[in-house]
N, C-alpha and C. Protein backbone atom coordinates (compact mmCIF):
# COMPACT_ATOMS: atom_id res chain seq x y z
N UNK A 1 0.85 -1.19 0.00
CA UNK A 1 0.00 0.00 0.00
C UNK A 1 0.88 1.24 0.00
N UNK A 2 0.56 2.18 -0.89
CA UNK A 2 1.27 3.46 -0.93
C UNK A 2 0.25 4.58 -0.76
N UNK A 3 0.73 5.72 -0.29
CA UNK A 3 -0.12 6.89 -0.13
C UNK A 3 0.14 7.85 -1.28
N UNK A 4 -0.93 8.37 -1.85
CA UNK A 4 -0.83 9.31 -2.96
C UNK A 4 0.01 10.51 -2.53
N UNK A 5 0.94 10.94 -3.41
CA UNK A 5 1.77 12.10 -3.15
C UNK A 5 3.08 11.79 -2.45
N UNK A 6 3.29 10.56 -2.02
CA UNK A 6 4.54 10.18 -1.34
C UNK A 6 5.52 9.60 -2.35
N UNK A 7 6.81 9.60 -1.99
CA UNK A 7 7.83 8.98 -2.82
C UNK A 7 8.44 7.83 -2.01
N UNK A 8 8.67 6.69 -2.69
CA UNK A 8 9.16 5.49 -2.03
C UNK A 8 10.43 5.00 -2.72
N UNK A 9 11.38 4.54 -1.93
CA UNK A 9 12.61 3.96 -2.48
C UNK A 9 12.51 2.44 -2.37
N UNK A 10 12.84 1.77 -3.46
CA UNK A 10 12.83 0.31 -3.52
C UNK A 10 14.21 -0.20 -3.91
N UNK A 11 14.54 -1.40 -3.48
CA UNK A 11 15.71 -2.11 -3.97
C UNK A 11 15.21 -3.39 -4.62
N UNK A 12 15.48 -3.52 -5.90
CA UNK A 12 15.09 -4.68 -6.69
C UNK A 12 16.30 -5.60 -6.78
N UNK A 13 16.14 -6.85 -6.42
CA UNK A 13 17.26 -7.80 -6.38
C UNK A 13 16.98 -8.94 -7.35
N UNK A 14 17.94 -9.21 -8.23
CA UNK A 14 17.82 -10.31 -9.19
C UNK A 14 18.16 -11.63 -8.52
N UNK A 15 17.20 -12.21 -7.81
CA UNK A 15 17.43 -13.44 -7.06
C UNK A 15 17.02 -14.68 -7.85
N UNK A 16 16.73 -14.50 -9.15
CA UNK A 16 16.33 -15.62 -9.98
C UNK A 16 17.55 -16.49 -10.32
N UNK A 17 17.28 -17.68 -10.83
CA UNK A 17 18.37 -18.61 -11.12
C UNK A 17 18.91 -18.54 -12.54
N UNK A 18 18.05 -18.33 -13.52
CA UNK A 18 18.51 -18.48 -14.90
C UNK A 18 18.24 -17.24 -15.75
N UNK A 19 17.00 -16.91 -15.97
CA UNK A 19 16.63 -15.89 -16.96
C UNK A 19 16.53 -14.49 -16.34
N UNK A 20 16.94 -13.51 -17.12
CA UNK A 20 16.69 -12.12 -16.73
C UNK A 20 15.19 -11.89 -16.76
N UNK A 21 14.75 -10.84 -16.06
CA UNK A 21 13.34 -10.51 -16.14
C UNK A 21 13.14 -9.00 -16.26
N UNK A 22 11.96 -8.64 -16.76
CA UNK A 22 11.57 -7.24 -16.92
C UNK A 22 10.59 -6.90 -15.80
N UNK A 23 10.93 -5.89 -15.01
CA UNK A 23 10.12 -5.45 -13.88
C UNK A 23 9.45 -4.13 -14.22
N UNK A 24 8.15 -4.02 -13.97
CA UNK A 24 7.45 -2.76 -14.24
C UNK A 24 6.27 -2.61 -13.29
N UNK A 25 5.81 -1.37 -13.16
CA UNK A 25 4.59 -1.07 -12.42
C UNK A 25 3.69 -0.31 -13.39
N UNK A 26 2.58 -0.91 -13.75
CA UNK A 26 1.70 -0.32 -14.76
C UNK A 26 1.33 1.11 -14.40
N UNK A 27 1.39 2.00 -15.41
CA UNK A 27 0.97 3.38 -15.24
C UNK A 27 1.95 4.24 -14.46
N UNK A 28 3.14 3.73 -14.17
CA UNK A 28 4.12 4.47 -13.37
C UNK A 28 5.51 4.42 -14.00
N UNK A 29 6.26 5.48 -13.83
CA UNK A 29 7.67 5.52 -14.22
C UNK A 29 8.50 5.13 -13.00
N UNK A 30 9.65 4.51 -13.24
CA UNK A 30 10.60 4.15 -12.19
C UNK A 30 11.81 5.05 -12.34
N UNK A 31 12.26 5.66 -11.26
CA UNK A 31 13.41 6.57 -11.30
C UNK A 31 14.61 5.80 -10.78
N UNK A 32 15.49 5.37 -11.68
CA UNK A 32 16.64 4.55 -11.32
C UNK A 32 17.72 5.42 -10.69
N UNK A 33 18.14 5.05 -9.47
CA UNK A 33 19.15 5.80 -8.73
C UNK A 33 20.52 5.12 -8.75
N UNK A 34 20.50 3.77 -8.65
CA UNK A 34 21.76 3.05 -8.52
C UNK A 34 21.61 1.64 -9.05
N UNK A 35 22.74 1.06 -9.43
CA UNK A 35 22.78 -0.34 -9.80
C UNK A 35 24.01 -0.97 -9.15
N UNK A 36 23.81 -2.10 -8.52
CA UNK A 36 24.88 -2.81 -7.82
C UNK A 36 25.66 -1.91 -6.87
N UNK A 37 24.97 -0.99 -6.21
CA UNK A 37 25.57 -0.14 -5.20
C UNK A 37 26.24 1.11 -5.73
N UNK A 38 26.23 1.32 -7.03
CA UNK A 38 26.84 2.51 -7.62
C UNK A 38 25.76 3.43 -8.17
N UNK A 39 25.88 4.71 -7.85
CA UNK A 39 24.92 5.69 -8.34
C UNK A 39 24.93 5.76 -9.85
N UNK A 40 23.77 5.94 -10.43
CA UNK A 40 23.62 6.08 -11.88
C UNK A 40 23.62 7.57 -12.19
N UNK A 41 24.44 7.98 -13.13
CA UNK A 41 24.43 9.38 -13.57
C UNK A 41 24.33 9.42 -15.07
N UNK A 42 23.38 10.11 -15.65
CA UNK A 42 22.36 10.84 -14.91
C UNK A 42 21.30 9.88 -14.38
N UNK A 43 20.62 10.31 -13.33
CA UNK A 43 19.48 9.54 -12.82
C UNK A 43 18.45 9.50 -13.93
N UNK A 44 17.90 8.32 -14.20
CA UNK A 44 16.98 8.23 -15.34
C UNK A 44 15.62 7.68 -14.93
N UNK A 45 14.63 8.10 -15.68
CA UNK A 45 13.24 7.68 -15.48
C UNK A 45 12.90 6.69 -16.59
N UNK A 46 12.43 5.50 -16.20
CA UNK A 46 12.19 4.44 -17.17
C UNK A 46 10.81 3.82 -16.98
N UNK A 47 10.35 3.11 -18.00
CA UNK A 47 9.09 2.36 -17.93
C UNK A 47 9.27 1.01 -17.25
N UNK A 48 10.46 0.42 -17.39
CA UNK A 48 10.73 -0.89 -16.80
C UNK A 48 12.23 -1.05 -16.58
N UNK A 49 12.58 -2.05 -15.79
CA UNK A 49 13.97 -2.39 -15.51
C UNK A 49 14.18 -3.84 -15.92
N UNK A 50 15.23 -4.09 -16.69
CA UNK A 50 15.62 -5.47 -17.00
C UNK A 50 16.74 -5.83 -16.03
N UNK A 51 16.53 -6.90 -15.27
CA UNK A 51 17.48 -7.28 -14.23
C UNK A 51 17.92 -8.72 -14.43
N UNK A 52 19.24 -8.93 -14.31
CA UNK A 52 19.84 -10.26 -14.46
C UNK A 52 20.16 -10.84 -13.10
N UNK A 53 20.48 -12.12 -13.07
CA UNK A 53 20.82 -12.82 -11.84
C UNK A 53 21.92 -12.09 -11.08
N UNK A 54 21.68 -11.82 -9.80
CA UNK A 54 22.68 -11.20 -8.94
C UNK A 54 22.75 -9.68 -8.99
N UNK A 55 22.04 -9.06 -9.91
CA UNK A 55 22.07 -7.60 -9.99
C UNK A 55 21.15 -6.98 -8.95
N UNK A 56 21.41 -5.71 -8.65
CA UNK A 56 20.55 -4.94 -7.74
C UNK A 56 20.30 -3.59 -8.38
N UNK A 57 19.08 -3.11 -8.27
CA UNK A 57 18.72 -1.76 -8.72
C UNK A 57 18.00 -1.05 -7.58
N UNK A 58 18.36 0.19 -7.36
CA UNK A 58 17.62 1.06 -6.44
C UNK A 58 16.81 2.01 -7.31
N UNK A 59 15.52 2.13 -7.01
CA UNK A 59 14.70 3.06 -7.78
C UNK A 59 13.69 3.75 -6.86
N UNK A 60 13.25 4.91 -7.31
CA UNK A 60 12.20 5.65 -6.62
C UNK A 60 10.89 5.47 -7.35
N UNK A 61 9.83 5.41 -6.59
CA UNK A 61 8.48 5.40 -7.15
C UNK A 61 7.80 6.64 -6.61
N UNK A 62 7.45 7.55 -7.51
CA UNK A 62 6.70 8.73 -7.15
C UNK A 62 5.22 8.33 -7.20
N UNK A 63 4.63 8.15 -6.04
CA UNK A 63 3.26 7.63 -5.96
C UNK A 63 2.25 8.76 -6.20
N UNK A 64 2.21 9.20 -7.44
CA UNK A 64 1.19 10.17 -7.84
C UNK A 64 0.18 9.40 -8.65
N UNK A 65 -0.92 9.12 -8.05
CA UNK A 65 -1.96 8.26 -8.60
C UNK A 65 -2.40 8.78 -9.98
N UNK A 66 -2.04 8.07 -11.04
CA UNK A 66 -2.39 8.52 -12.39
C UNK A 66 -3.81 8.15 -12.79
N UNK A 67 -4.79 8.85 -12.29
CA UNK A 67 -6.17 8.56 -12.65
C UNK A 67 -7.00 8.19 -11.44
N UNK A 68 -8.13 7.57 -11.71
CA UNK A 68 -9.08 7.24 -10.65
C UNK A 68 -8.86 5.85 -10.06
N UNK A 69 -7.96 5.07 -10.65
CA UNK A 69 -7.74 3.71 -10.15
C UNK A 69 -7.00 3.73 -8.83
N UNK A 70 -7.23 2.73 -8.01
CA UNK A 70 -6.45 2.64 -6.79
C UNK A 70 -5.55 1.41 -6.77
N UNK A 71 -5.61 0.57 -7.81
CA UNK A 71 -4.80 -0.64 -7.89
C UNK A 71 -4.11 -0.74 -9.24
N UNK A 72 -2.81 -1.05 -9.21
CA UNK A 72 -2.00 -1.16 -10.43
C UNK A 72 -1.16 -2.42 -10.35
N UNK A 73 -0.97 -3.08 -11.50
CA UNK A 73 -0.19 -4.32 -11.54
C UNK A 73 1.29 -4.02 -11.44
N UNK A 74 1.96 -4.80 -10.60
CA UNK A 74 3.42 -4.88 -10.56
C UNK A 74 3.75 -6.19 -11.25
N UNK A 75 4.63 -6.14 -12.26
CA UNK A 75 4.89 -7.33 -13.07
C UNK A 75 6.38 -7.60 -13.19
N UNK A 76 6.75 -8.86 -13.07
CA UNK A 76 8.11 -9.32 -13.36
C UNK A 76 7.96 -10.49 -14.33
N UNK A 77 8.38 -10.28 -15.58
CA UNK A 77 8.24 -11.32 -16.61
C UNK A 77 9.61 -11.76 -17.08
N UNK A 78 9.82 -13.08 -17.08
CA UNK A 78 11.11 -13.58 -17.54
C UNK A 78 11.28 -13.29 -19.02
N UNK A 79 12.53 -13.14 -19.44
CA UNK A 79 12.82 -12.84 -20.84
C UNK A 79 13.19 -14.08 -21.64
N UNK A 80 12.73 -15.23 -21.17
CA UNK A 80 12.94 -16.46 -21.94
C UNK A 80 11.96 -16.49 -23.10
N UNK A 81 12.38 -17.07 -24.22
CA UNK A 81 11.54 -17.08 -25.42
C UNK A 81 11.43 -18.49 -25.99
N UNK A 82 10.38 -18.69 -26.77
CA UNK A 82 10.17 -19.94 -27.50
C UNK A 82 10.74 -19.75 -28.89
N UNK A 83 11.84 -20.38 -29.18
CA UNK A 83 12.47 -20.23 -30.50
C UNK A 83 11.62 -20.86 -31.60
N UNK A 84 10.82 -21.85 -31.25
CA UNK A 84 10.02 -22.52 -32.26
C UNK A 84 8.77 -21.73 -32.64
N UNK A 85 8.46 -20.66 -31.90
CA UNK A 85 7.24 -19.90 -32.19
C UNK A 85 7.57 -18.42 -32.39
N UNK A 86 8.44 -18.12 -33.35
CA UNK A 86 8.81 -16.74 -33.69
C UNK A 86 9.30 -15.94 -32.50
N UNK A 87 10.07 -16.59 -31.62
CA UNK A 87 10.67 -15.92 -30.45
C UNK A 87 9.65 -15.21 -29.58
N UNK A 88 8.52 -15.83 -29.31
CA UNK A 88 7.51 -15.23 -28.44
C UNK A 88 7.83 -15.55 -26.98
N UNK A 89 7.33 -14.71 -26.09
CA UNK A 89 7.56 -14.89 -24.66
C UNK A 89 6.91 -16.18 -24.18
N UNK A 90 7.56 -16.81 -23.22
CA UNK A 90 6.97 -18.02 -22.64
C UNK A 90 5.91 -17.66 -21.59
N UNK A 91 5.80 -16.39 -21.25
CA UNK A 91 4.73 -15.94 -20.37
C UNK A 91 4.90 -16.28 -18.90
N UNK A 92 6.14 -16.50 -18.46
CA UNK A 92 6.36 -16.77 -17.04
C UNK A 92 6.41 -15.44 -16.31
N UNK A 93 5.37 -15.16 -15.53
CA UNK A 93 5.19 -13.84 -14.93
C UNK A 93 4.87 -13.98 -13.44
N UNK A 94 5.50 -13.10 -12.65
CA UNK A 94 5.11 -12.93 -11.25
C UNK A 94 4.38 -11.60 -11.17
N UNK A 95 3.28 -11.56 -10.45
CA UNK A 95 2.47 -10.34 -10.39
C UNK A 95 2.13 -10.00 -8.94
N UNK A 96 1.98 -8.71 -8.70
CA UNK A 96 1.54 -8.20 -7.40
C UNK A 96 0.72 -6.95 -7.67
N UNK A 97 0.18 -6.35 -6.64
CA UNK A 97 -0.65 -5.17 -6.81
C UNK A 97 -0.08 -4.01 -5.99
N UNK A 98 0.07 -2.87 -6.65
CA UNK A 98 0.39 -1.62 -5.98
C UNK A 98 -0.94 -0.97 -5.66
N UNK A 99 -1.22 -0.80 -4.37
CA UNK A 99 -2.52 -0.28 -3.92
C UNK A 99 -2.34 1.11 -3.33
N UNK A 100 -3.15 2.06 -3.82
CA UNK A 100 -3.20 3.40 -3.24
C UNK A 100 -4.23 3.39 -2.13
N UNK A 101 -3.81 3.77 -0.94
CA UNK A 101 -4.73 3.79 0.18
C UNK A 101 -4.02 4.26 1.43
N UNK A 102 -4.50 3.81 2.56
CA UNK A 102 -3.93 4.14 3.86
C UNK A 102 -3.24 2.90 4.43
N UNK A 103 -2.24 3.11 5.31
CA UNK A 103 -1.51 1.95 5.86
C UNK A 103 -2.40 0.93 6.55
N UNK A 104 -3.54 1.35 7.09
CA UNK A 104 -4.39 0.41 7.79
C UNK A 104 -5.47 -0.21 6.90
N UNK A 105 -5.40 0.03 5.57
CA UNK A 105 -6.35 -0.63 4.67
C UNK A 105 -6.17 -2.15 4.75
N UNK A 106 -7.26 -2.91 4.67
CA UNK A 106 -7.12 -4.37 4.67
C UNK A 106 -6.42 -4.83 3.38
N UNK A 107 -5.68 -5.93 3.45
CA UNK A 107 -5.02 -6.42 2.23
C UNK A 107 -6.03 -6.81 1.17
N UNK A 108 -5.60 -6.74 -0.09
CA UNK A 108 -6.47 -7.11 -1.21
C UNK A 108 -6.49 -8.63 -1.32
N UNK A 109 -7.67 -9.19 -1.42
CA UNK A 109 -7.82 -10.63 -1.55
C UNK A 109 -7.34 -11.08 -2.93
N UNK A 110 -6.72 -12.25 -2.98
CA UNK A 110 -6.28 -12.79 -4.27
C UNK A 110 -7.46 -13.03 -5.20
N UNK A 111 -8.66 -13.15 -4.66
CA UNK A 111 -9.84 -13.32 -5.49
C UNK A 111 -10.15 -12.07 -6.31
N UNK A 112 -9.64 -10.91 -5.88
CA UNK A 112 -9.86 -9.66 -6.58
C UNK A 112 -8.86 -9.42 -7.71
N UNK A 113 -7.79 -10.19 -7.77
CA UNK A 113 -6.72 -9.94 -8.73
C UNK A 113 -7.20 -9.86 -10.16
N UNK A 114 -7.95 -10.85 -10.60
CA UNK A 114 -8.38 -10.89 -11.99
C UNK A 114 -9.32 -9.75 -12.33
N UNK A 115 -10.10 -9.26 -11.36
CA UNK A 115 -10.99 -8.13 -11.62
C UNK A 115 -10.21 -6.83 -11.77
N UNK A 116 -9.06 -6.74 -11.14
CA UNK A 116 -8.21 -5.53 -11.18
C UNK A 116 -7.44 -5.47 -12.50
N UNK A 117 -7.00 -6.60 -12.98
CA UNK A 117 -6.08 -6.66 -14.13
C UNK A 117 -6.55 -5.90 -15.37
N UNK A 118 -7.80 -6.03 -15.84
CA UNK A 118 -8.18 -5.35 -17.08
C UNK A 118 -8.15 -3.82 -16.98
N UNK A 119 -8.28 -3.27 -15.77
CA UNK A 119 -8.32 -1.82 -15.60
C UNK A 119 -6.95 -1.19 -15.46
N UNK A 120 -5.92 -1.98 -15.18
CA UNK A 120 -4.58 -1.44 -14.95
C UNK A 120 -3.96 -1.02 -16.28
N UNK A 121 -3.51 0.24 -16.39
CA UNK A 121 -2.91 0.69 -17.65
C UNK A 121 -1.53 0.06 -17.83
N UNK A 122 -1.25 -0.45 -19.00
CA UNK A 122 0.07 -1.05 -19.25
C UNK A 122 1.09 0.06 -19.46
N UNK A 123 2.37 -0.31 -19.32
CA UNK A 123 3.41 0.70 -19.54
C UNK A 123 3.50 1.00 -21.03
N UNK A 124 3.84 2.21 -21.35
CA UNK A 124 3.98 2.66 -22.73
C UNK A 124 5.44 3.04 -22.96
N UNK A 125 6.11 2.37 -23.85
CA UNK A 125 7.49 2.71 -24.18
C UNK A 125 7.50 3.85 -25.18
N UNK A 126 8.05 4.98 -24.75
CA UNK A 126 8.14 6.11 -25.67
C UNK A 126 9.32 6.98 -25.27
N UNK A 127 9.90 7.63 -26.24
CA UNK A 127 11.00 8.54 -25.99
C UNK A 127 10.44 9.93 -25.81
N UNK A 128 10.66 10.52 -24.63
CA UNK A 128 10.18 11.87 -24.38
C UNK A 128 11.25 12.89 -24.69
């Protein structure tokens, strides 16, 4: 749960065994501060982070609620591909929900996940 208008620092750790993965939070930019303990210059704002085994990224999330939704998908998708099917993703994804609310809000039931998914805006890759 995050509060609208606050900024949060996260550390993303590549604890996977084999494949790199793409991490994103729908409808939000990630402000990358550091990788593997070293500051990134210039600090950059991205739609997603690709992280390999053993890597670490520090990023800021500016929790400015983009719209009327209060729930957004957090996604980590492996970058493994099916060579036999035009290099399409194998679809191995871990998902969570970024919820805008108050610290004492009750947790979101896993039964609500599928109802939230269609409303969450996907990330848009564009050069500003």
